[in-house]
Amino acid sequence: GAAGAAAISVLTEPGFFDGALEHLAAVRA
């Protein structure tokens, strides 16, 4: 965000990408 991203993509798929819905919530906050 500080660098100037237009948007941020958050991987939430757990099995193949180690993502989680909690990561999405943390980024949103």
mmCIF file of all heavy atoms, coordinates in Angstrom:
data_MODEL
# 
_entry.id   MODEL 
# 
loop_
_atom_site.group_PDB 
_atom_site.id 
_atom_site.type_symbol 
_atom_site.label_atom_id 
_atom_site.label_alt_id 
_atom_site.label_comp_id 
_atom_site.label_asym_id 
_atom_site.label_entity_id 
_atom_site.label_seq_id 
_atom_site.pdbx_PDB_ins_code 
_atom_site.Cartn_x 
_atom_site.Cartn_y 
_atom_site.Cartn_z 
_atom_site.occupancy 
_atom_site.B_iso_or_equiv 
_atom_site.pdbx_formal_charge 
_atom_site.auth_seq_id 
_atom_site.auth_comp_id 
_atom_site.auth_asym_id 
_atom_site.auth_atom_id 
_atom_site.pdbx_PDB_model_num 
ATOM 1   N N   . GLY A 1 1  ? 0.817   -1.206  0.000  1.00 0.00 ? 1  GLY A N   1 
ATOM 2   C CA  . GLY A 1 1  ? 0.000   0.000   0.000  1.00 0.00 ? 1  GLY A CA  1 
ATOM 3   C C   . GLY A 1 1  ? 0.848   1.251   0.000  1.00 0.00 ? 1  GLY A C   1 
ATOM 4   O O   . GLY A 1 1  ? 0.576   2.205   -0.742 1.00 0.00 ? 1  GLY A O   1 
ATOM 5   N N   . ALA A 1 2  ? 1.905   1.259   0.810  1.00 0.00 ? 2  ALA A N   1 
ATOM 6   C CA  . ALA A 1 2  ? 2.798   2.421   0.872  1.00 0.00 ? 2  ALA A CA  1 
ATOM 7   C C   . ALA A 1 2  ? 3.536   2.645   -0.437 1.00 0.00 ? 2  ALA A C   1 
ATOM 8   O O   . ALA A 1 2  ? 3.852   3.778   -0.807 1.00 0.00 ? 2  ALA A O   1 
ATOM 9   C CB  . ALA A 1 2  ? 3.796   2.242   2.017  1.00 0.00 ? 2  ALA A CB  1 
ATOM 10  N N   . ALA A 1 3  ? 3.792   1.553   -1.166 1.00 0.00 ? 3  ALA A N   1 
ATOM 11  C CA  . ALA A 1 3  ? 4.531   1.651   -2.431 1.00 0.00 ? 3  ALA A CA  1 
ATOM 12  C C   . ALA A 1 3  ? 3.652   2.102   -3.593 1.00 0.00 ? 3  ALA A C   1 
ATOM 13  O O   . ALA A 1 3  ? 4.177   2.497   -4.631 1.00 0.00 ? 3  ALA A O   1 
ATOM 14  C CB  . ALA A 1 3  ? 5.169   0.309   -2.762 1.00 0.00 ? 3  ALA A CB  1 
ATOM 15  N N   . GLY A 1 4  ? 2.317   2.014   -3.428 1.00 0.00 ? 4  GLY A N   1 
ATOM 16  C CA  . GLY A 1 4  ? 1.427   2.476   -4.490 1.00 0.00 ? 4  GLY A CA  1 
ATOM 17  C C   . GLY A 1 4  ? 0.669   1.402   -5.232 1.00 0.00 ? 4  GLY A C   1 
ATOM 18  O O   . GLY A 1 4  ? 0.255   1.612   -6.388 1.00 0.00 ? 4  GLY A O   1 
ATOM 19  N N   . ALA A 1 5  ? 0.437   0.245   -4.607 1.00 0.00 ? 5  ALA A N   1 
ATOM 20  C CA  . ALA A 1 5  ? -0.342  -0.804  -5.259 1.00 0.00 ? 5  ALA A CA  1 
ATOM 21  C C   . ALA A 1 5  ? -1.745  -0.297  -5.600 1.00 0.00 ? 5  ALA A C   1 
ATOM 22  O O   . ALA A 1 5  ? -2.373  0.404   -4.807 1.00 0.00 ? 5  ALA A O   1 
ATOM 23  C CB  . ALA A 1 5  ? -0.450  -2.027  -4.354 1.00 0.00 ? 5  ALA A CB  1 
ATOM 24  N N   . ALA A 1 6  ? -2.237  -0.666  -6.771 1.00 0.00 ? 6  ALA A N   1 
ATOM 25  C CA  . ALA A 1 6  ? -3.614  -0.323  -7.145 1.00 0.00 ? 6  ALA A CA  1 
ATOM 26  C C   . ALA A 1 6  ? -4.609  -1.159  -6.344 1.00 0.00 ? 6  ALA A C   1 
ATOM 27  O O   . ALA A 1 6  ? -5.689  -0.707  -5.991 1.00 0.00 ? 6  ALA A O   1 
ATOM 28  C CB  . ALA A 1 6  ? -3.818  -0.560  -8.640 1.00 0.00 ? 6  ALA A CB  1 
ATOM 29  N N   . ALA A 1 7  ? -4.231  -2.402  -6.062 1.00 0.00 ? 7  ALA A N   1 
ATOM 30  C CA  . ALA A 1 7  ? -5.052  -3.323  -5.279 1.00 0.00 ? 7  ALA A CA  1 
ATOM 31  C C   . ALA A 1 7  ? -4.124  -4.391  -4.723 1.00 0.00 ? 7  ALA A C   1 
ATOM 32  O O   . ALA A 1 7  ? -2.964  -4.503  -5.137 1.00 0.00 ? 7  ALA A O   1 
ATOM 33  C CB  . ALA A 1 7  ? -6.151  -3.946  -6.136 1.00 0.00 ? 7  ALA A CB  1 
ATOM 34  N N   . ILE A 1 8  ? -4.643  -5.187  -3.797 1.00 0.00 ? 8  ILE A N   1 
ATOM 35  C CA  . ILE A 1 8  ? -3.844  -6.254  -3.203 1.00 0.00 ? 8  ILE A CA  1 
ATOM 36  C C   . ILE A 1 8  ? -4.613  -7.564  -3.313 1.00 0.00 ? 8  ILE A C   1 
ATOM 37  O O   . ILE A 1 8  ? -5.799  -7.638  -2.974 1.00 0.00 ? 8  ILE A O   1 
ATOM 38  C CB  . ILE A 1 8  ? -3.517  -5.950  -1.728 1.00 0.00 ? 8  ILE A CB  1 
ATOM 39  C CG1 . ILE A 1 8  ? -2.619  -4.708  -1.644 1.00 0.00 ? 8  ILE A CG1 1 
ATOM 40  C CG2 . ILE A 1 8  ? -2.831  -7.141  -1.058 1.00 0.00 ? 8  ILE A CG2 1 
ATOM 41  C CD1 . ILE A 1 8  ? -2.360  -4.212  -0.249 1.00 0.00 ? 8  ILE A CD1 1 
ATOM 42  N N   . SER A 1 9  ? -3.939  -8.578  -3.815 1.00 0.00 ? 9  SER A N   1 
ATOM 43  C CA  . SER A 1 9  ? -4.506  -9.922  -3.948 1.00 0.00 ? 9  SER A CA  1 
ATOM 44  C C   . SER A 1 9  ? -4.027  -10.775 -2.784 1.00 0.00 ? 9  SER A C   1 
ATOM 45  O O   . SER A 1 9  ? -2.837  -10.772 -2.459 1.00 0.00 ? 9  SER A O   1 
ATOM 46  C CB  . SER A 1 9  ? -4.063  -10.535 -5.281 1.00 0.00 ? 9  SER A CB  1 
ATOM 47  O OG  . SER A 1 9  ? -4.348  -11.917 -5.332 1.00 0.00 ? 9  SER A OG  1 
ATOM 48  N N   . VAL A 1 10 ? -4.957  -11.516 -2.177 1.00 0.00 ? 10 VAL A N   1 
ATOM 49  C CA  . VAL A 1 10 ? -4.610  -12.361 -1.040 1.00 0.00 ? 10 VAL A CA  1 
ATOM 50  C C   . VAL A 1 10 ? -5.023  -13.796 -1.341 1.00 0.00 ? 10 VAL A C   1 
ATOM 51  O O   . VAL A 1 10 ? -6.204  -14.076 -1.564 1.00 0.00 ? 10 VAL A O   1 
ATOM 52  C CB  . VAL A 1 10 ? -5.305  -11.879 0.250  1.00 0.00 ? 10 VAL A CB  1 
ATOM 53  C CG1 . VAL A 1 10 ? -4.863  -12.730 1.437  1.00 0.00 ? 10 VAL A CG1 1 
ATOM 54  C CG2 . VAL A 1 10 ? -5.019  -10.408 0.513  1.00 0.00 ? 10 VAL A CG2 1 
ATOM 55  N N   . LEU A 1 11 ? -4.058  -14.702 -1.354 1.00 0.00 ? 11 LEU A N   1 
ATOM 56  C CA  . LEU A 1 11 ? -4.357  -16.125 -1.539 1.00 0.00 ? 11 LEU A CA  1 
ATOM 57  C C   . LEU A 1 11 ? -5.011  -16.667 -0.281 1.00 0.00 ? 11 LEU A C   1 
ATOM 58  O O   . LEU A 1 11 ? -4.477  -16.519 0.816  1.00 0.00 ? 11 LEU A O   1 
ATOM 59  C CB  . LEU A 1 11 ? -3.075  -16.894 -1.821 1.00 0.00 ? 11 LEU A CB  1 
ATOM 60  C CG  . LEU A 1 11 ? -2.788  -17.298 -3.270 1.00 0.00 ? 11 LEU A CG  1 
ATOM 61  C CD1 . LEU A 1 11 ? -3.825  -18.269 -3.808 1.00 0.00 ? 11 LEU A CD1 1 
ATOM 62  C CD2 . LEU A 1 11 ? -2.672  -16.089 -4.158 1.00 0.00 ? 11 LEU A CD2 1 
ATOM 63  N N   . THR A 1 12 ? -6.178  -17.299 -0.453 1.00 0.00 ? 12 THR A N   1 
ATOM 64  C CA  . THR A 1 12 ? -6.864  -17.890 0.702  1.00 0.00 ? 12 THR A CA  1 
ATOM 65  C C   . THR A 1 12 ? -6.981  -19.405 0.596  1.00 0.00 ? 12 THR A C   1 
ATOM 66  O O   . THR A 1 12 ? -7.526  -20.039 1.494  1.00 0.00 ? 12 THR A O   1 
ATOM 67  C CB  . THR A 1 12 ? -8.265  -17.276 0.879  1.00 0.00 ? 12 THR A CB  1 
ATOM 68  O OG1 . THR A 1 12 ? -9.065  -17.544 -0.280 1.00 0.00 ? 12 THR A OG1 1 
ATOM 69  C CG2 . THR A 1 12 ? -8.199  -15.777 1.118  1.00 0.00 ? 12 THR A CG2 1 
ATOM 70  N N   . GLU A 1 13 ? -6.458  -20.015 -0.472 1.00 0.00 ? 13 GLU A N   1 
ATOM 71  C CA  . GLU A 1 13 ? -6.538  -21.470 -0.652 1.00 0.00 ? 13 GLU A CA  1 
ATOM 72  C C   . GLU A 1 13 ? -5.507  -22.134 0.255  1.00 0.00 ? 13 GLU A C   1 
ATOM 73  O O   . GLU A 1 13 ? -4.316  -21.833 0.170  1.00 0.00 ? 13 GLU A O   1 
ATOM 74  C CB  . GLU A 1 13 ? -6.287  -21.822 -2.122 1.00 0.00 ? 13 GLU A CB  1 
ATOM 75  C CG  . GLU A 1 13 ? -6.696  -23.234 -2.516 1.00 0.00 ? 13 GLU A CG  1 
ATOM 76  C CD  . GLU A 1 13 ? -5.741  -24.301 -2.016 1.00 0.00 ? 13 GLU A CD  1 
ATOM 77  O OE1 . GLU A 1 13 ? -4.507  -24.037 -1.981 1.00 0.00 ? 13 GLU A OE1 1 
ATOM 78  O OE2 . GLU A 1 13 ? -6.214  -25.384 -1.638 1.00 0.00 ? 13 GLU A OE2 1 
ATOM 79  N N   . PRO A 1 14 ? -5.927  -23.077 1.140  1.00 0.00 ? 14 PRO A N   1 
ATOM 80  C CA  . PRO A 1 14 ? -5.010  -23.601 2.150  1.00 0.00 ? 14 PRO A CA  1 
ATOM 81  C C   . PRO A 1 14 ? -4.118  -24.757 1.701  1.00 0.00 ? 14 PRO A C   1 
ATOM 82  O O   . PRO A 1 14 ? -2.954  -24.835 2.118  1.00 0.00 ? 14 PRO A O   1 
ATOM 83  C CB  . PRO A 1 14 ? -5.955  -24.051 3.268  1.00 0.00 ? 14 PRO A CB  1 
ATOM 84  C CG  . PRO A 1 14 ? -7.226  -24.413 2.553  1.00 0.00 ? 14 PRO A CG  1 
ATOM 85  C CD  . PRO A 1 14 ? -7.333  -23.446 1.400  1.00 0.00 ? 14 PRO A CD  1 
ATOM 86  N N   . GLY A 1 15 ? -4.637  -25.667 0.909  1.00 0.00 ? 15 GLY A N   1 
ATOM 87  C CA  . GLY A 1 15 ? -3.931  -26.915 0.648  1.00 0.00 ? 15 GLY A CA  1 
ATOM 88  C C   . GLY A 1 15 ? -2.724  -26.804 -0.254 1.00 0.00 ? 15 GLY A C   1 
ATOM 89  O O   . GLY A 1 15 ? -1.722  -27.512 -0.064 1.00 0.00 ? 15 GLY A O   1 
ATOM 90  N N   . PHE A 1 16 ? -2.778  -25.934 -1.244 1.00 0.00 ? 16 PHE A N   1 
ATOM 91  C CA  . PHE A 1 16 ? -1.716  -25.816 -2.233 1.00 0.00 ? 16 PHE A CA  1 
ATOM 92  C C   . PHE A 1 16 ? -0.941  -24.504 -2.128 1.00 0.00 ? 16 PHE A C   1 
ATOM 93  O O   . PHE A 1 16 ? 0.160   -24.405 -2.653 1.00 0.00 ? 16 PHE A O   1 
ATOM 94  C CB  . PHE A 1 16 ? -2.302  -25.935 -3.643 1.00 0.00 ? 16 PHE A CB  1 
ATOM 95  C CG  . PHE A 1 16 ? -2.886  -27.282 -3.943 1.00 0.00 ? 16 PHE A CG  1 
ATOM 96  C CD1 . PHE A 1 16 ? -4.167  -27.623 -3.512 1.00 0.00 ? 16 PHE A CD1 1 
ATOM 97  C CD2 . PHE A 1 16 ? -2.163  -28.227 -4.655 1.00 0.00 ? 16 PHE A CD2 1 
ATOM 98  C CE1 . PHE A 1 16 ? -4.707  -28.869 -3.793 1.00 0.00 ? 16 PHE A CE1 1 
ATOM 99  C CE2 . PHE A 1 16 ? -2.696  -29.472 -4.938 1.00 0.00 ? 16 PHE A CE2 1 
ATOM 100 C CZ  . PHE A 1 16 ? -3.969  -29.805 -4.504 1.00 0.00 ? 16 PHE A CZ  1 
ATOM 101 N N   . PHE A 1 17 ? -1.539  -23.503 -1.448 1.00 0.00 ? 17 PHE A N   1 
ATOM 102 C CA  . PHE A 1 17 ? -0.917  -22.183 -1.381 1.00 0.00 ? 17 PHE A CA  1 
ATOM 103 C C   . PHE A 1 17 ? -0.677  -21.697 0.043  1.00 0.00 ? 17 PHE A C   1 
ATOM 104 O O   . PHE A 1 17 ? -0.202  -20.585 0.251  1.00 0.00 ? 17 PHE A O   1 
ATOM 105 C CB  . PHE A 1 17 ? -1.783  -21.155 -2.120 1.00 0.00 ? 17 PHE A CB  1 
ATOM 106 C CG  . PHE A 1 17 ? -1.871  -21.396 -3.608 1.00 0.00 ? 17 PHE A CG  1 
ATOM 107 C CD1 . PHE A 1 17 ? -2.843  -22.232 -4.131 1.00 0.00 ? 17 PHE A CD1 1 
ATOM 108 C CD2 . PHE A 1 17 ? -0.979  -20.791 -4.478 1.00 0.00 ? 17 PHE A CD2 1 
ATOM 109 C CE1 . PHE A 1 17 ? -2.921  -22.462 -5.502 1.00 0.00 ? 17 PHE A CE1 1 
ATOM 110 C CE2 . PHE A 1 17 ? -1.055  -21.007 -5.845 1.00 0.00 ? 17 PHE A CE2 1 
ATOM 111 C CZ  . PHE A 1 17 ? -2.026  -21.853 -6.358 1.00 0.00 ? 17 PHE A CZ  1 
ATOM 112 N N   . ASP A 1 18 ? -1.051  -22.507 1.058  1.00 0.00 ? 18 ASP A N   1 
ATOM 113 C CA  . ASP A 1 18 ? -0.899  -22.133 2.464  1.00 0.00 ? 18 ASP A CA  1 
ATOM 114 C C   . ASP A 1 18 ? -1.673  -20.865 2.802  1.00 0.00 ? 18 ASP A C   1 
ATOM 115 O O   . ASP A 1 18 ? -1.270  -20.081 3.675  1.00 0.00 ? 18 ASP A O   1 
ATOM 116 C CB  . ASP A 1 18 ? 0.572   -21.942 2.842  1.00 0.00 ? 18 ASP A CB  1 
ATOM 117 C CG  . ASP A 1 18 ? 1.356   -23.244 2.849  1.00 0.00 ? 18 ASP A CG  1 
ATOM 118 O OD1 . ASP A 1 18 ? 0.722   -24.317 2.758  1.00 0.00 ? 18 ASP A OD1 1 
ATOM 119 O OD2 . ASP A 1 18 ? 2.593   -23.204 2.925  1.00 0.00 ? 18 ASP A OD2 1 
ATOM 120 N N   . GLY A 1 19 ? -2.793  -20.632 2.106  1.00 0.00 ? 19 GLY A N   1 
ATOM 121 C CA  . GLY A 1 19 ? -3.609  -19.456 2.371  1.00 0.00 ? 19 GLY A CA  1 
ATOM 122 C C   . GLY A 1 19 ? -4.680  -19.726 3.412  1.00 0.00 ? 19 GLY A C   1 
ATOM 123 O O   . GLY A 1 19 ? -4.876  -20.844 3.863  1.00 0.00 ? 19 GLY A O   1 
ATOM 124 N N   . ALA A 1 20 ? -5.381  -18.663 3.808  1.00 0.00 ? 20 ALA A N   1 
ATOM 125 C CA  . ALA A 1 20 ? -6.444  -18.775 4.795  1.00 0.00 ? 20 ALA A CA  1 
ATOM 126 C C   . ALA A 1 20 ? -7.341  -17.550 4.696  1.00 0.00 ? 20 ALA A C   1 
ATOM 127 O O   . ALA A 1 20 ? -6.878  -16.460 4.349  1.00 0.00 ? 20 ALA A O   1 
ATOM 128 C CB  . ALA A 1 20 ? -5.875  -18.886 6.209  1.00 0.00 ? 20 ALA A CB  1 
ATOM 129 N N   . LEU A 1 21 ? -8.613  -17.733 5.017  1.00 0.00 ? 21 LEU A N   1 
ATOM 130 C CA  . LEU A 1 21 ? -9.527  -16.593 5.048  1.00 0.00 ? 21 LEU A CA  1 
ATOM 131 C C   . LEU A 1 21 ? -9.083  -15.567 6.086  1.00 0.00 ? 21 LEU A C   1 
ATOM 132 O O   . LEU A 1 21 ? -9.337  -14.371 5.928  1.00 0.00 ? 21 LEU A O   1 
ATOM 133 C CB  . LEU A 1 21 ? -10.944 -17.075 5.340  1.00 0.00 ? 21 LEU A CB  1 
ATOM 134 C CG  . LEU A 1 21 ? -11.681 -17.692 4.148  1.00 0.00 ? 21 LEU A CG  1 
ATOM 135 C CD1 . LEU A 1 21 ? -12.885 -18.499 4.618  1.00 0.00 ? 21 LEU A CD1 1 
ATOM 136 C CD2 . LEU A 1 21 ? -12.103 -16.614 3.155  1.00 0.00 ? 21 LEU A CD2 1 
ATOM 137 N N   . GLU A 1 22 ? -8.418  -16.028 7.125  1.00 0.00 ? 22 GLU A N   1 
ATOM 138 C CA  . GLU A 1 22 ? -7.913  -15.106 8.146  1.00 0.00 ? 22 GLU A CA  1 
ATOM 139 C C   . GLU A 1 22 ? -6.891  -14.137 7.560  1.00 0.00 ? 22 GLU A C   1 
ATOM 140 O O   . GLU A 1 22 ? -6.769  -12.997 8.016  1.00 0.00 ? 22 GLU A O   1 
ATOM 141 C CB  . GLU A 1 22 ? -7.311  -15.896 9.310  1.00 0.00 ? 22 GLU A CB  1 
ATOM 142 C CG  . GLU A 1 22 ? -8.322  -16.631 10.178 1.00 0.00 ? 22 GLU A CG  1 
ATOM 143 C CD  . GLU A 1 22 ? -8.913  -17.862 9.522  1.00 0.00 ? 22 GLU A CD  1 
ATOM 144 O OE1 . GLU A 1 22 ? -8.300  -18.382 8.553  1.00 0.00 ? 22 GLU A OE1 1 
ATOM 145 O OE2 . GLU A 1 22 ? -9.990  -18.325 9.949  1.00 0.00 ? 22 GLU A OE2 1 
ATOM 146 N N   . HIS A 1 23 ? -6.146  -14.582 6.566  1.00 0.00 ? 23 HIS A N   1 
ATOM 147 C CA  . HIS A 1 23 ? -5.182  -13.688 5.913  1.00 0.00 ? 23 HIS A CA  1 
ATOM 148 C C   . HIS A 1 23 ? -5.907  -12.542 5.214  1.00 0.00 ? 23 HIS A C   1 
ATOM 149 O O   . HIS A 1 23 ? -5.469  -11.389 5.259  1.00 0.00 ? 23 HIS A O   1 
ATOM 150 C CB  . HIS A 1 23 ? -4.348  -14.455 4.892  1.00 0.00 ? 23 HIS A CB  1 
ATOM 151 C CG  . HIS A 1 23 ? -3.498  -15.530 5.484  1.00 0.00 ? 23 HIS A CG  1 
ATOM 152 N ND1 . HIS A 1 23 ? -2.916  -16.540 4.731  1.00 0.00 ? 23 HIS A ND1 1 
ATOM 153 C CD2 . HIS A 1 23 ? -3.120  -15.762 6.774  1.00 0.00 ? 23 HIS A CD2 1 
ATOM 154 C CE1 . HIS A 1 23 ? -2.222  -17.337 5.530  1.00 0.00 ? 23 HIS A CE1 1 
ATOM 155 N NE2 . HIS A 1 23 ? -2.338  -16.884 6.759  1.00 0.00 ? 23 HIS A NE2 1 
ATOM 156 N N   . LEU A 1 24 ? -7.027  -12.864 4.582  1.00 0.00 ? 24 LEU A N   1 
ATOM 157 C CA  . LEU A 1 24 ? -7.828  -11.844 3.911  1.00 0.00 ? 24 LEU A CA  1 
ATOM 158 C C   . LEU A 1 24 ? -8.334  -10.815 4.918  1.00 0.00 ? 24 LEU A C   1 
ATOM 159 O O   . LEU A 1 24 ? -8.236  -9.602  4.697  1.00 0.00 ? 24 LEU A O   1 
ATOM 160 C CB  . LEU A 1 24 ? -9.000  -12.505 3.179  1.00 0.00 ? 24 LEU A CB  1 
ATOM 161 C CG  . LEU A 1 24 ? -9.978  -11.601 2.441  1.00 0.00 ? 24 LEU A CG  1 
ATOM 162 C CD1 . LEU A 1 24 ? -9.301  -10.880 1.287  1.00 0.00 ? 24 LEU A CD1 1 
ATOM 163 C CD2 . LEU A 1 24 ? -11.160 -12.423 1.922  1.00 0.00 ? 24 LEU A CD2 1 
ATOM 164 N N   . ALA A 1 25 ? -8.860  -11.295 6.028  1.00 0.00 ? 25 ALA A N   1 
ATOM 165 C CA  . ALA A 1 25 ? -9.381  -10.386 7.057  1.00 0.00 ? 25 ALA A CA  1 
ATOM 166 C C   . ALA A 1 25 ? -8.267  -9.509  7.628  1.00 0.00 ? 25 ALA A C   1 
ATOM 167 O O   . ALA A 1 25 ? -8.468  -8.316  7.882  1.00 0.00 ? 25 ALA A O   1 
ATOM 168 C CB  . ALA A 1 25 ? -10.050 -11.192 8.169  1.00 0.00 ? 25 ALA A CB  1 
ATOM 169 N N   . ALA A 1 26 ? -7.076  -10.084 7.818  1.00 0.00 ? 26 ALA A N   1 
ATOM 170 C CA  . ALA A 1 26 ? -5.958  -9.330  8.374  1.00 0.00 ? 26 ALA A CA  1 
ATOM 171 C C   . ALA A 1 26 ? -5.502  -8.230  7.415  1.00 0.00 ? 26 ALA A C   1 
ATOM 172 O O   . ALA A 1 26 ? -5.211  -7.102  7.839  1.00 0.00 ? 26 ALA A O   1 
ATOM 173 C CB  . ALA A 1 26 ? -4.789  -10.272 8.684  1.00 0.00 ? 26 ALA A CB  1 
ATOM 174 N N   . VAL A 1 27 ? -5.469  -8.535  6.118  1.00 0.00 ? 27 VAL A N   1 
ATOM 175 C CA  . VAL A 1 27 ? -5.076  -7.528  5.135  1.00 0.00 ? 27 VAL A CA  1 
ATOM 176 C C   . VAL A 1 27 ? -6.123  -6.419  5.066  1.00 0.00 ? 27 VAL A C   1 
ATOM 177 O O   . VAL A 1 27 ? -5.789  -5.233  5.016  1.00 0.00 ? 27 VAL A O   1 
ATOM 178 C CB  . VAL A 1 27 ? -4.857  -8.183  3.762  1.00 0.00 ? 27 VAL A CB  1 
ATOM 179 C CG1 . VAL A 1 27 ? -4.722  -7.131  2.660  1.00 0.00 ? 27 VAL A CG1 1 
ATOM 180 C CG2 . VAL A 1 27 ? -3.615  -9.068  3.797  1.00 0.00 ? 27 VAL A CG2 1 
ATOM 181 N N   . ARG A 1 28 ? -7.392  -6.807  5.074  1.00 0.00 ? 28 ARG A N   1 
ATOM 182 C CA  . ARG A 1 28 ? -8.463  -5.799  5.032  1.00 0.00 ? 28 ARG A CA  1 
ATOM 183 C C   . ARG A 1 28 ? -8.344  -4.835  6.199  1.00 0.00 ? 28 ARG A C   1 
ATOM 184 O O   . ARG A 1 28 ? -8.558  -3.620  6.049  1.00 0.00 ? 28 ARG A O   1 
ATOM 185 C CB  . ARG A 1 28 ? -9.822  -6.514  5.065  1.00 0.00 ? 28 ARG A CB  1 
ATOM 186 C CG  . ARG A 1 28 ? -11.038 -5.632  5.291  1.00 0.00 ? 28 ARG A CG  1 
ATOM 187 C CD  . ARG A 1 28 ? -11.423 -4.800  4.082  1.00 0.00 ? 28 ARG A CD  1 
ATOM 188 N NE  . ARG A 1 28 ? -10.470 -3.745  3.796  1.00 0.00 ? 28 ARG A NE  1 
ATOM 189 C CZ  . ARG A 1 28 ? -10.188 -3.295  2.585  1.00 0.00 ? 28 ARG A CZ  1 
ATOM 190 N NH1 . ARG A 1 28 ? -10.763 -3.803  1.526  1.00 0.00 ? 28 ARG A NH1 1 
ATOM 191 N NH2 . ARG A 1 28 ? -9.296  -2.339  2.416  1.00 0.00 ? 28 ARG A NH2 1 
ATOM 192 N N   . ALA A 1 29 ? -7.988  -5.348  7.385  1.00 0.00 ? 29 ALA A N   1 
ATOM 193 C CA  . ALA A 1 29 ? -7.873  -4.502  8.571  1.00 0.00 ? 29 ALA A CA  1 
ATOM 194 C C   . ALA A 1 29 ? -6.632  -3.616  8.526  1.00 0.00 ? 29 ALA A C   1 
ATOM 195 O O   . ALA A 1 29 ? -6.587  -2.582  9.189  1.00 0.00 ? 29 ALA A O   1 
ATOM 196 C CB  . ALA A 1 29 ? -7.840  -5.371  9.826  1.00 0.00 ? 29 ALA A CB  1 
# 
